[in-house]
Amino acid sequence: MSRHAGISSDIAKGTSGDALIDDEVVERAGNAARDLYRRGKEQAVAMEKGFEGVVKDRPVQSILVAAGLGVLIGMFLSRR
């Protein structure tokens, strides 16, 4: 089980009734948010490097795909 798995239940307990959310719950939620942000950033950087490699390996194909997507998006938006 993840170390952050109990956060939502802790928050629910802390906000129901007259109990307040304690500092430990807030700290755990902050740590969970930081971990998610860090992992998402790492994945985005890895994807960016992968895209750069494809563009460098196949520049003409990359330009044609981007142009094609631009035309399709333009056609879609102009029909509205």
PDB file of N, CA and C in Angstrom:
ATOM      1  N   MET A   1       0.849  -1.175   0.000  1.00  0.00           N
ATOM      2  CA  MET A   1       0.000   0.000   0.000  1.00  0.00           C
ATOM      3  C   MET A   1       0.892   1.234   0.000  1.00  0.00           C
ATOM      4  N   SER A   2       0.520   2.240  -0.737  1.00  0.00           N
ATOM      5  CA  SER A   2       1.279   3.472  -0.833  1.00  0.00           C
ATOM      6  C   SER A   2       1.294   4.196   0.500  1.00  0.00           C
ATOM      7  N   ARG A   3       2.346   4.915   0.744  1.00  0.00           N
ATOM      8  CA  ARG A   3       2.413   5.654   2.002  1.00  0.00           C
ATOM      9  C   ARG A   3       1.438   6.823   2.018  1.00  0.00           C
ATOM     10  N   HIS A   4       0.901   7.174   0.841  1.00  0.00           N
ATOM     11  CA  HIS A   4      -0.036   8.285   0.740  1.00  0.00           C
ATOM     12  C   HIS A   4      -1.479   7.814   0.646  1.00  0.00           C
ATOM     13  N   ALA A   5      -1.701   6.516   0.748  1.00  0.00           N
ATOM     14  CA  ALA A   5      -3.023   5.947   0.513  1.00  0.00           C
ATOM     15  C   ALA A   5      -4.056   6.423   1.524  1.00  0.00           C
ATOM     16  N   GLY A   6      -3.665   6.688   2.744  1.00  0.00           N
ATOM     17  CA  GLY A   6      -4.634   7.056   3.768  1.00  0.00           C
ATOM     18  C   GLY A   6      -4.915   8.530   3.868  1.00  0.00           C
ATOM     19  N   ILE A   7      -4.352   9.332   2.994  1.00  0.00           N
ATOM     20  CA  ILE A   7      -4.497  10.782   3.105  1.00  0.00           C
ATOM     21  C   ILE A   7      -5.942  11.222   2.960  1.00  0.00           C
ATOM     22  N   SER A   8      -6.639  10.711   1.930  1.00  0.00           N
ATOM     23  CA  SER A   8      -8.015  11.165   1.713  1.00  0.00           C
ATOM     24  C   SER A   8      -8.905  10.785   2.888  1.00  0.00           C
ATOM     25  N   SER A   9      -8.714   9.596   3.442  1.00  0.00           N
ATOM     26  CA  SER A   9      -9.539   9.219   4.588  1.00  0.00           C
ATOM     27  C   SER A   9      -9.177  10.059   5.805  1.00  0.00           C
ATOM     28  N   ASP A  10      -7.896  10.399   5.968  1.00  0.00           N
ATOM     29  CA  ASP A  10      -7.496  11.255   7.074  1.00  0.00           C
ATOM     30  C   ASP A  10      -8.100  12.648   6.936  1.00  0.00           C
ATOM     31  N   ILE A  11      -8.102  13.160   5.721  1.00  0.00           N
ATOM     32  CA  ILE A  11      -8.672  14.487   5.495  1.00  0.00           C
ATOM     33  C   ILE A  11     -10.173  14.447   5.747  1.00  0.00           C
ATOM     34  N   ALA A  12     -10.839  13.382   5.278  1.00  0.00           N
ATOM     35  CA  ALA A  12     -12.277  13.256   5.498  1.00  0.00           C
ATOM     36  C   ALA A  12     -12.587  13.201   6.989  1.00  0.00           C
ATOM     37  N   LYS A  13     -11.795  12.463   7.732  1.00  0.00           N
ATOM     38  CA  LYS A  13     -12.002  12.388   9.180  1.00  0.00           C
ATOM     39  C   LYS A  13     -11.767  13.757   9.822  1.00  0.00           C
ATOM     40  N   GLY A  14     -10.742  14.448   9.350  1.00  0.00           N
ATOM     41  CA  GLY A  14     -10.388  15.733   9.953  1.00  0.00           C
ATOM     42  C   GLY A  14     -11.387  16.823   9.657  1.00  0.00           C
ATOM     43  N   THR A  15     -12.091  16.744   8.544  1.00  0.00           N
ATOM     44  CA  THR A  15     -13.026  17.810   8.190  1.00  0.00           C
ATOM     45  C   THR A  15     -14.445  17.500   8.611  1.00  0.00           C
ATOM     46  N   SER A  16     -14.735  16.256   8.993  1.00  0.00           N
ATOM     47  CA  SER A  16     -16.095  15.946   9.440  1.00  0.00           C
ATOM     48  C   SER A  16     -16.165  16.172  10.942  1.00  0.00           C
ATOM     49  N   GLY A  17     -17.249  16.751  11.376  1.00  0.00           N
ATOM     50  CA  GLY A  17     -17.406  17.007  12.800  1.00  0.00           C
ATOM     51  C   GLY A  17     -16.596  18.204  13.224  1.00  0.00           C
ATOM     52  N   ASP A  18     -16.168  18.177  14.465  1.00  0.00           N
ATOM     53  CA  ASP A  18     -15.466  19.339  14.995  1.00  0.00           C
ATOM     54  C   ASP A  18     -13.954  19.158  15.023  1.00  0.00           C
ATOM     55  N   ALA A  19     -13.448  18.029  14.546  1.00  0.00           N
ATOM     56  CA  ALA A  19     -12.001  17.792  14.531  1.00  0.00           C
ATOM     57  C   ALA A  19     -11.347  18.623  13.440  1.00  0.00           C
ATOM     58  N   LEU A  20     -10.139  19.068  13.668  1.00  0.00           N
ATOM     59  CA  LEU A  20      -9.374  19.829  12.687  1.00  0.00           C
ATOM     60  C   LEU A  20      -8.332  18.941  12.037  1.00  0.00           C
ATOM     61  N   ILE A  21      -7.945  19.295  10.815  1.00  0.00           N
ATOM     62  CA  ILE A  21      -6.880  18.556  10.137  1.00  0.00           C
ATOM     63  C   ILE A  21      -5.586  18.866  10.867  1.00  0.00           C
ATOM     64  N   ASP A  22      -4.882  17.833  11.300  1.00  0.00           N
ATOM     65  CA  ASP A  22      -3.646  18.107  12.032  1.00  0.00           C
ATOM     66  C   ASP A  22      -2.476  18.317  11.075  1.00  0.00           C
ATOM     67  N   ASP A  23      -1.393  18.798  11.609  1.00  0.00           N
ATOM     68  CA  ASP A  23      -0.219  19.147  10.811  1.00  0.00           C
ATOM     69  C   ASP A  23       0.354  17.944  10.076  1.00  0.00           C
ATOM     70  N   GLU A  24       0.272  16.773  10.672  1.00  0.00           N
ATOM     71  CA  GLU A  24       0.822  15.574  10.035  1.00  0.00           C
ATOM     72  C   GLU A  24       0.068  15.246   8.744  1.00  0.00           C
ATOM     73  N   VAL A  25      -1.244  15.373   8.773  1.00  0.00           N
ATOM     74  CA  VAL A  25      -2.047  15.099   7.581  1.00  0.00           C
ATOM     75  C   VAL A  25      -1.710  16.105   6.486  1.00  0.00           C
ATOM     76  N   VAL A  26      -1.599  17.368   6.855  1.00  0.00           N
ATOM     77  CA  VAL A  26      -1.257  18.408   5.881  1.00  0.00           C
ATOM     78  C   VAL A  26       0.131  18.157   5.302  1.00  0.00           C
ATOM     79  N   GLU A  27       1.071  17.766   6.143  1.00  0.00           N
ATOM     80  CA  GLU A  27       2.428  17.481   5.671  1.00  0.00           C
ATOM     81  C   GLU A  27       2.432  16.283   4.725  1.00  0.00           C
ATOM     82  N   ARG A  28       1.682  15.237   5.062  1.00  0.00           N
ATOM     83  CA  ARG A  28       1.618  14.068   4.187  1.00  0.00           C
ATOM     84  C   ARG A  28       0.978  14.411   2.850  1.00  0.00           C
ATOM     85  N   ALA A  29      -0.057  15.250   2.868  1.00  0.00           N
ATOM     86  CA  ALA A  29      -0.699  15.665   1.613  1.00  0.00           C
ATOM     87  C   ALA A  29       0.276  16.484   0.772  1.00  0.00           C
ATOM     88  N   GLY A  30       1.029  17.367   1.416  1.00  0.00           N
ATOM     89  CA  GLY A  30       2.030  18.159   0.695  1.00  0.00           C
ATOM     90  C   GLY A  30       3.115  17.279   0.093  1.00  0.00           C
ATOM     91  N   ASN A  31       3.562  16.301   0.858  1.00  0.00           N
ATOM     92  CA  ASN A  31       4.580  15.377   0.343  1.00  0.00           C
ATOM     93  C   ASN A  31       4.054  14.579  -0.840  1.00  0.00           C
ATOM     94  N   ALA A  32       2.794  14.147  -0.751  1.00  0.00           N
ATOM     95  CA  ALA A  32       2.195  13.396  -1.854  1.00  0.00           C
ATOM     96  C   ALA A  32       2.107  14.263  -3.105  1.00  0.00           C
ATOM     97  N   ALA A  33       1.708  15.522  -2.937  1.00  0.00           N
ATOM     98  CA  ALA A  33       1.616  16.437  -4.080  1.00  0.00           C
ATOM     99  C   ALA A  33       2.989  16.684  -4.694  1.00  0.00           C
ATOM    100  N   ARG A  34       4.001  16.858  -3.860  1.00  0.00           N
ATOM    101  CA  ARG A  34       5.368  17.068  -4.377  1.00  0.00           C
ATOM    102  C   ARG A  34       5.864  15.842  -5.133  1.00  0.00           C
ATOM    103  N   ASP A  35       5.571  14.651  -4.594  1.00  0.00           N
ATOM    104  CA  ASP A  35       5.988  13.413  -5.264  1.00  0.00           C
ATOM    105  C   ASP A  35       5.312  13.272  -6.628  1.00  0.00           C
ATOM    106  N   LEU A  36       4.011  13.547  -6.681  1.00  0.00           N
ATOM    107  CA  LEU A  36       3.295  13.468  -7.954  1.00  0.00           C
ATOM    108  C   LEU A  36       3.838  14.474  -8.956  1.00  0.00           C
ATOM    109  N   TYR A  37       4.112  15.680  -8.501  1.00  0.00           N
ATOM    110  CA  TYR A  37       4.666  16.717  -9.386  1.00  0.00           C
ATOM    111  C   TYR A  37       6.023  16.287  -9.925  1.00  0.00           C
ATOM    112  N   ARG A  38       6.875  15.781  -9.042  1.00  0.00           N
ATOM    113  CA  ARG A  38       8.224  15.362  -9.441  1.00  0.00           C
ATOM    114  C   ARG A  38       8.168  14.244 -10.469  1.00  0.00           C
ATOM    115  N   ARG A  39       7.314  13.236 -10.215  1.00  0.00           N
ATOM    116  CA  ARG A  39       7.202  12.114 -11.156  1.00  0.00           C
ATOM    117  C   ARG A  39       6.635  12.566 -12.499  1.00  0.00           C
ATOM    118  N   GLY A  40       5.649  13.445 -12.458  1.00  0.00           N
ATOM    119  CA  GLY A  40       5.077  13.968 -13.699  1.00  0.00           C
ATOM    120  C   GLY A  40       6.090  14.754 -14.494  1.00  0.00           C
ATOM    121  N   LYS A  41       6.891  15.552 -13.800  1.00  0.00           N
ATOM    122  CA  LYS A  41       7.932  16.338 -14.478  1.00  0.00           C
ATOM    123  C   LYS A  41       8.973  15.414 -15.106  1.00  0.00           C
ATOM    124  N   GLU A  42       9.372  14.377 -14.385  1.00  0.00           N
ATOM    125  CA  GLU A  42      10.350  13.430 -14.925  1.00  0.00           C
ATOM    126  C   GLU A  42       9.810  12.739 -16.175  1.00  0.00           C
ATOM    127  N   GLN A  43       8.536  12.354 -16.147  1.00  0.00           N
ATOM    128  CA  GLN A  43       7.935  11.700 -17.313  1.00  0.00           C
ATOM    129  C   GLN A  43       7.827  12.665 -18.493  1.00  0.00           C
ATOM    130  N   ALA A  44       7.497  13.921 -18.214  1.00  0.00           N
ATOM    131  CA  ALA A  44       7.397  14.914 -19.293  1.00  0.00           C
ATOM    132  C   ALA A  44       8.753  15.154 -19.939  1.00  0.00           C
ATOM    133  N   VAL A  45       9.806  15.222 -19.135  1.00  0.00           N
ATOM    134  CA  VAL A  45      11.158  15.420 -19.670  1.00  0.00           C
ATOM    135  C   VAL A  45      11.561  14.213 -20.520  1.00  0.00           C
ATOM    136  N   ALA A  46      11.237  13.018 -20.054  1.00  0.00           N
ATOM    137  CA  ALA A  46      11.569  11.811 -20.826  1.00  0.00           C
ATOM    138  C   ALA A  46      10.825  11.798 -22.160  1.00  0.00           C
ATOM    139  N   MET A  47       9.543  12.190 -22.153  1.00  0.00           N
ATOM    140  CA  MET A  47       8.779  12.240 -23.396  1.00  0.00           C
ATOM    141  C   MET A  47       9.348  13.290 -24.343  1.00  0.00           C
ATOM    142  N   GLU A  48       9.745  14.429 -23.792  1.00  0.00           N
ATOM    143  CA  GLU A  48      10.327  15.495 -24.622  1.00  0.00           C
ATOM    144  C   GLU A  48      11.594  15.012 -25.312  1.00  0.00           C
ATOM    145  N   LYS A  49      12.438  14.314 -24.577  1.00  0.00           N
ATOM    146  CA  LYS A  49      13.670  13.796 -25.174  1.00  0.00           C
ATOM    147  C   LYS A  49      13.361  12.783 -26.273  1.00  0.00           C
ATOM    148  N   GLY A  50      12.334  11.975 -26.056  1.00  0.00           N
ATOM    149  CA  GLY A  50      11.931  11.019 -27.074  1.00  0.00           C
ATOM    150  C   GLY A  50      11.435  11.707 -28.335  1.00  0.00           C
ATOM    151  N   PHE A  51      10.630  12.758 -28.175  1.00  0.00           N
ATOM    152  CA  PHE A  51      10.137  13.514 -29.330  1.00  0.00           C
ATOM    153  C   PHE A  51      11.279  14.196 -30.063  1.00  0.00           C
ATOM    154  N   GLU A  52      12.226  14.742 -29.310  1.00  0.00           N
ATOM    155  CA  GLU A  52      13.381  15.385 -29.947  1.00  0.00           C
ATOM    156  C   GLU A  52      14.144  14.391 -30.815  1.00  0.00           C
ATOM    157  N   GLY A  53      14.304  13.180 -30.321  1.00  0.00           N
ATOM    158  CA  GLY A  53      15.011  12.155 -31.087  1.00  0.00           C
ATOM    159  C   GLY A  53      14.296  11.822 -32.379  1.00  0.00           C
ATOM    160  N   VAL A  54      12.973  11.727 -32.316  1.00  0.00           N
ATOM    161  CA  VAL A  54      12.203  11.415 -33.525  1.00  0.00           C
ATOM    162  C   VAL A  54      12.327  12.557 -34.528  1.00  0.00           C
ATOM    163  N   VAL A  55      12.215  13.787 -34.050  1.00  0.00           N
ATOM    164  CA  VAL A  55      12.300  14.950 -34.945  1.00  0.00           C
ATOM    165  C   VAL A  55      13.684  15.035 -35.580  1.00  0.00           C
ATOM    166  N   LYS A  56      14.723  14.753 -34.810  1.00  0.00           N
ATOM    167  CA  LYS A  56      16.089  14.797 -35.361  1.00  0.00           C
ATOM    168  C   LYS A  56      16.319  13.672 -36.367  1.00  0.00           C
ATOM    169  N   ASP A  57      15.740  12.516 -36.107  1.00  0.00           N
ATOM    170  CA  ASP A  57      15.917  11.372 -37.004  1.00  0.00           C
ATOM    171  C   ASP A  57      15.107  11.506 -38.288  1.00  0.00           C
ATOM    172  N   ARG A  58      13.925  12.126 -38.192  1.00  0.00           N
ATOM    173  CA  ARG A  58      13.014  12.237 -39.347  1.00  0.00           C
ATOM    174  C   ARG A  58      12.427  13.641 -39.440  1.00  0.00           C
ATOM    175  N   PRO A  59      13.246  14.629 -39.793  1.00  0.00           N
ATOM    176  CA  PRO A  59      12.753  16.016 -39.783  1.00  0.00           C
ATOM    177  C   PRO A  59      11.656  16.286 -40.812  1.00  0.00           C
ATOM    178  N   VAL A  60      11.761  15.745 -42.007  1.00  0.00           N
ATOM    179  CA  VAL A  60      10.752  16.013 -43.036  1.00  0.00           C
ATOM    180  C   VAL A  60       9.416  15.401 -42.623  1.00  0.00           C
ATOM    181  N   GLN A  61       9.444  14.166 -42.168  1.00  0.00           N
ATOM    182  CA  GLN A  61       8.224  13.498 -41.730  1.00  0.00           C
ATOM    183  C   GLN A  61       7.594  14.268 -40.556  1.00  0.00           C
ATOM    184  N   SER A  62       8.411  14.772 -39.648  1.00  0.00           N
ATOM    185  CA  SER A  62       7.906  15.521 -38.504  1.00  0.00           C
ATOM    186  C   SER A  62       7.206  16.797 -38.946  1.00  0.00           C
ATOM    187  N   ILE A  63       7.787  17.505 -39.912  1.00  0.00           N
ATOM    188  CA  ILE A  63       7.169  18.736 -40.427  1.00  0.00           C
ATOM    189  C   ILE A  63       5.852  18.417 -41.116  1.00  0.00           C
ATOM    190  N   LEU A  64       5.816  17.344 -41.910  1.00  0.00           N
ATOM    191  CA  LEU A  64       4.587  16.971 -42.604  1.00  0.00           C
ATOM    192  C   LEU A  64       3.477  16.564 -41.627  1.00  0.00           C
ATOM    193  N   VAL A  65       3.830  15.841 -40.596  1.00  0.00           N
ATOM    194  CA  VAL A  65       2.837  15.449 -39.591  1.00  0.00           C
ATOM    195  C   VAL A  65       2.306  16.692 -38.869  1.00  0.00           C
ATOM    196  N   ALA A  66       3.198  17.597 -38.481  1.00  0.00           N
ATOM    197  CA  ALA A  66       2.768  18.824 -37.806  1.00  0.00           C
ATOM    198  C   ALA A  66       1.876  19.662 -38.716  1.00  0.00           C
ATOM    199  N   ALA A  67       2.225  19.776 -39.984  1.00  0.00           N
ATOM    200  CA  ALA A  67       1.404  20.538 -40.931  1.00  0.00           C
ATOM    201  C   ALA A  67       0.041  19.878 -41.103  1.00  0.00           C
ATOM    202  N   GLY A  68       0.021  18.571 -41.221  1.00  0.00           N
ATOM    203  CA  GLY A  68      -1.242  17.851 -41.361  1.00  0.00           C
ATOM    204  C   GLY A  68      -2.148  18.041 -40.148  1.00  0.00           C
ATOM    205  N   LEU A  69      -1.558  17.963 -38.963  1.00  0.00           N
ATOM    206  CA  LEU A  69      -2.346  18.193 -37.756  1.00  0.00           C
ATOM    207  C   LEU A  69      -2.874  19.623 -37.715  1.00  0.00           C
ATOM    208  N   GLY A  70      -2.061  20.573 -38.145  1.00  0.00           N
ATOM    209  CA  GLY A  70      -2.502  21.970 -38.191  1.00  0.00           C
ATOM    210  C   GLY A  70      -3.683  22.156 -39.122  1.00  0.00           C
ATOM    211  N   VAL A  71      -3.634  21.509 -40.282  1.00  0.00           N
ATOM    212  CA  VAL A  71      -4.746  21.594 -41.239  1.00  0.00           C
ATOM    213  C   VAL A  71      -6.004  20.977 -40.637  1.00  0.00           C
ATOM    214  N   LEU A  72      -5.876  19.804 -40.039  1.00  0.00           N
ATOM    215  CA  LEU A  72      -7.043  19.149 -39.438  1.00  0.00           C
ATOM    216  C   LEU A  72      -7.652  19.980 -38.311  1.00  0.00           C
ATOM    217  N   ILE A  73      -6.819  20.527 -37.459  1.00  0.00           N
ATOM    218  CA  ILE A  73      -7.318  21.365 -36.361  1.00  0.00           C
ATOM    219  C   ILE A  73      -7.979  22.623 -36.921  1.00  0.00           C
ATOM    220  N   GLY A  74      -7.363  23.224 -37.954  1.00  0.00           N
ATOM    221  CA  GLY A  74      -7.954  24.397 -38.589  1.00  0.00           C
ATOM    222  C   GLY A  74      -9.305  24.095 -39.203  1.00  0.00           C
ATOM    223  N   MET A  75      -9.424  22.957 -39.866  1.00  0.00           N
ATOM    224  CA  MET A  75     -10.703  22.566 -40.458  1.00  0.00           C
ATOM    225  C   MET A  75     -11.757  22.337 -39.381  1.00  0.00           C
ATOM    226  N   PHE A  76     -11.351  21.699 -38.305  1.00  0.00           N
ATOM    227  CA  PHE A  76     -12.279  21.433 -37.212  1.00  0.00           C
ATOM    228  C   PHE A  76     -12.779  22.733 -36.576  1.00  0.00           C
ATOM    229  N   LEU A  77     -11.856  23.660 -36.337  1.00  0.00           N
ATOM    230  CA  LEU A  77     -12.225  24.915 -35.698  1.00  0.00           C
ATOM    231  C   LEU A  77     -13.043  25.818 -36.614  1.00  0.00           C
ATOM    232  N   SER A  78     -12.813  25.748 -37.922  1.00  0.00           N
ATOM    233  CA  SER A  78     -13.543  26.613 -38.837  1.00  0.00           C
ATOM    234  C   SER A  78     -14.993  26.153 -39.030  1.00  0.00           C
ATOM    235  N   ARG A  79     -15.303  24.915 -38.708  1.00  0.00           N
ATOM    236  CA  ARG A  79     -16.678  24.391 -38.850  1.00  0.00           C
ATOM    237  C   ARG A  79     -17.565  24.807 -37.715  1.00  0.00           C
ATOM    238  N   ARG A  80     -17.019  25.308 -36.668  1.00  0.00           N
ATOM    239  CA  ARG A  80     -17.820  25.692 -35.496  1.00  0.00           C
ATOM    240  C   ARG A  80     -18.532  26.956 -35.723  1.00  0.00           C
TER     241      ARG A  80
END
